[in-house]
Amino acid sequence: QVQLVESGGGLVQAGGSLRLSCTASGRTFSSYAMGWFRQAPGKERAFVADISYNGVITYYTDSVKGRFTISRDNAKNTVYLQMNSLKPEDTAIYYCAIGRSYYVSTYDRTSYSAWGQGTQVTVSS
């Protein structure tokens, strides 16, 4: 059974940066795409970014393009989300997820087989 553990969330002022990490265990990490989603209070969980099994292909939701970067280190079984120029509207619980294959269908939550417990990101104005 795969386990995903996120870390790196916290409170930051607008314009600041955070780096989220998600470490996987219990599965061959390097064979699966990974994704980040977020859920703000009162809203549905929404796609943020995904990355293919080998790190070559990445996708971002429009609102984070140019500010967030997804990356992975397969030797460490870890995927990262570098978040720069943070805005108050980025405030949410951030979840990582592991795909069912080498690639995922962007935005499609059914492309993922397991989720982490989430890490809170709060951006103050």
Protein backbone atom coordinates (compact mmCIF):
# COMPACT_ATOMS: atom_id res chain seq x y z
CA GLN A 1 0.00 0.00 0.00
CA VAL A 2 1.52 3.31 -1.07
CA GLN A 3 1.84 6.09 1.49
CA LEU A 4 2.34 9.76 0.66
CA VAL A 5 3.51 12.26 3.24
CA GLU A 6 3.49 15.99 2.50
CA SER A 7 5.51 18.62 4.32
CA GLY A 8 6.60 22.22 3.93
CA GLY A 9 3.35 24.08 4.39
CA GLY A 10 3.02 27.09 6.65
CA LEU A 11 2.15 30.75 6.97
CA VAL A 12 3.78 33.22 4.60
CA GLN A 13 3.21 36.80 3.56
CA ALA A 14 2.01 37.67 0.08
CA GLY A 15 4.94 37.68 -2.32
CA GLY A 16 6.79 35.06 -0.32
CA SER A 17 7.81 31.50 -1.19
CA LEU A 18 7.32 28.00 0.11
CA ARG A 19 8.50 24.60 -1.08
CA LEU A 20 6.24 21.63 -0.52
CA SER A 21 7.59 18.10 -0.48
CA CYS A 22 5.81 14.79 -0.83
CA THR A 23 7.63 11.55 -0.11
CA ALA A 24 6.23 8.22 -1.23
CA SER A 25 6.75 4.74 0.13
CA GLY A 26 5.39 1.31 -0.71
CA ARG A 27 5.55 1.59 -4.49
CA THR A 28 8.10 2.02 -7.26
CA PHE A 29 7.90 5.79 -7.27
CA SER A 30 9.81 6.27 -10.51
CA SER A 31 7.15 4.41 -12.52
CA TYR A 32 4.29 6.79 -11.76
CA ALA A 33 3.25 10.30 -12.54
CA MET A 34 2.60 12.61 -9.60
CA GLY A 35 0.32 15.54 -9.03
CA TRP A 36 -0.49 18.37 -6.67
CA PHE A 37 -4.02 19.53 -5.90
CA ARG A 38 -5.36 22.09 -3.46
CA GLN A 39 -8.61 22.68 -1.63
CA ALA A 40 -9.61 26.06 -0.31
CA PRO A 41 -12.33 26.44 2.34
CA GLY A 42 -15.75 25.87 0.85
CA LYS A 43 -14.36 24.84 -2.52
CA GLU A 44 -13.72 21.57 -4.32
CA ARG A 45 -10.28 20.06 -4.58
CA ALA A 46 -8.63 21.53 -7.67
CA PHE A 47 -5.69 20.61 -9.88
CA VAL A 48 -2.47 22.58 -9.44
CA ALA A 49 0.28 20.73 -11.32
CA ASP A 50 1.40 17.32 -12.49
CA ILE A 51 4.60 15.69 -13.65
CA SER A 52 5.31 12.56 -15.67
CA TYR A 53 7.16 9.57 -14.25
CA ASN A 54 10.51 10.79 -15.58
CA GLY A 55 9.99 14.48 -14.91
CA VAL A 56 10.03 15.44 -18.58
CA ILE A 57 6.40 16.54 -18.95
CA THR A 58 4.72 18.99 -16.59
CA TYR A 59 1.37 20.79 -16.60
CA TYR A 60 0.06 23.67 -14.49
CA THR A 61 -3.25 25.27 -13.93
CA ASP A 62 -3.30 28.75 -15.45
CA SER A 63 -3.42 30.60 -12.15
CA VAL A 64 -0.01 29.26 -11.04
CA LYS A 65 1.91 29.28 -14.32
CA GLY A 66 5.13 31.23 -13.98
CA ARG A 67 4.95 31.14 -10.17
CA PHE A 68 4.92 27.44 -9.23
CA THR A 69 7.31 24.70 -10.34
CA ILE A 70 6.75 20.99 -9.93
CA SER A 71 9.77 18.69 -9.90
CA ARG A 72 10.75 15.25 -8.69
CA ASP A 73 13.74 13.35 -7.41
CA ASN A 74 13.18 9.67 -8.12
CA ALA A 75 16.23 8.69 -6.10
CA LYS A 76 14.54 10.21 -3.04
CA ASN A 77 10.99 9.11 -3.90
CA THR A 78 9.98 12.74 -3.55
CA VAL A 79 8.01 15.26 -5.58
CA TYR A 80 8.26 18.99 -4.91
CA LEU A 81 6.16 22.06 -5.49
CA GLN A 82 8.14 25.29 -5.40
CA MET A 83 5.73 28.16 -4.89
CA ASN A 84 6.93 31.71 -5.49
CA SER A 85 5.14 35.06 -5.54
CA LEU A 86 2.42 33.62 -3.36
CA LYS A 87 -0.96 35.34 -3.24
CA PRO A 88 -3.72 35.20 -0.63
CA GLU A 89 -5.83 33.23 -3.11
CA ASP A 90 -3.24 30.44 -2.96
CA THR A 91 -4.35 29.73 0.59
CA ALA A 92 -5.53 26.10 0.75
CA ILE A 93 -4.71 22.63 1.89
CA TYR A 94 -2.30 21.15 -0.63
CA TYR A 95 -2.41 17.45 -1.45
CA CYS A 96 -0.04 15.31 -3.44
CA ALA A 97 -1.24 12.27 -5.33
CA ILE A 98 0.34 9.37 -7.17
CA GLY A 99 -0.86 8.45 -10.62
CA ARG A 100 -1.99 5.08 -11.89
CA SER A 101 0.61 5.05 -14.68
CA TYR A 102 3.56 6.86 -16.23
CA TYR A 103 1.33 9.76 -17.22
CA VAL A 104 -1.93 11.19 -15.96
CA SER A 105 -4.83 12.94 -17.60
CA THR A 106 -4.38 16.51 -16.42
CA TYR A 107 -7.21 17.75 -14.16
CA ASP A 108 -8.65 14.22 -13.86
CA ARG A 109 -8.68 13.17 -10.22
CA THR A 110 -9.51 9.59 -11.22
CA SER A 111 -6.03 9.36 -12.77
CA TYR A 112 -4.65 9.06 -9.25
CA SER A 113 -4.70 6.04 -6.99
CA ALA A 114 -3.62 7.46 -3.64
CA TRP A 115 -3.46 10.81 -1.85
CA GLY A 116 -1.49 12.32 0.96
CA GLN A 117 -3.02 13.78 4.09
CA GLY A 118 -2.48 17.37 2.99
CA THR A 119 -0.45 20.31 4.22
CA GLN A 120 -1.87 23.75 4.99
CA VAL A 121 -0.58 26.79 3.12
CA THR A 122 -1.76 30.17 4.35
CA VAL A 123 -0.81 33.39 2.57
CA SER A 124 -1.49 36.61 4.42
CA SER A 125 -2.06 39.92 2.65
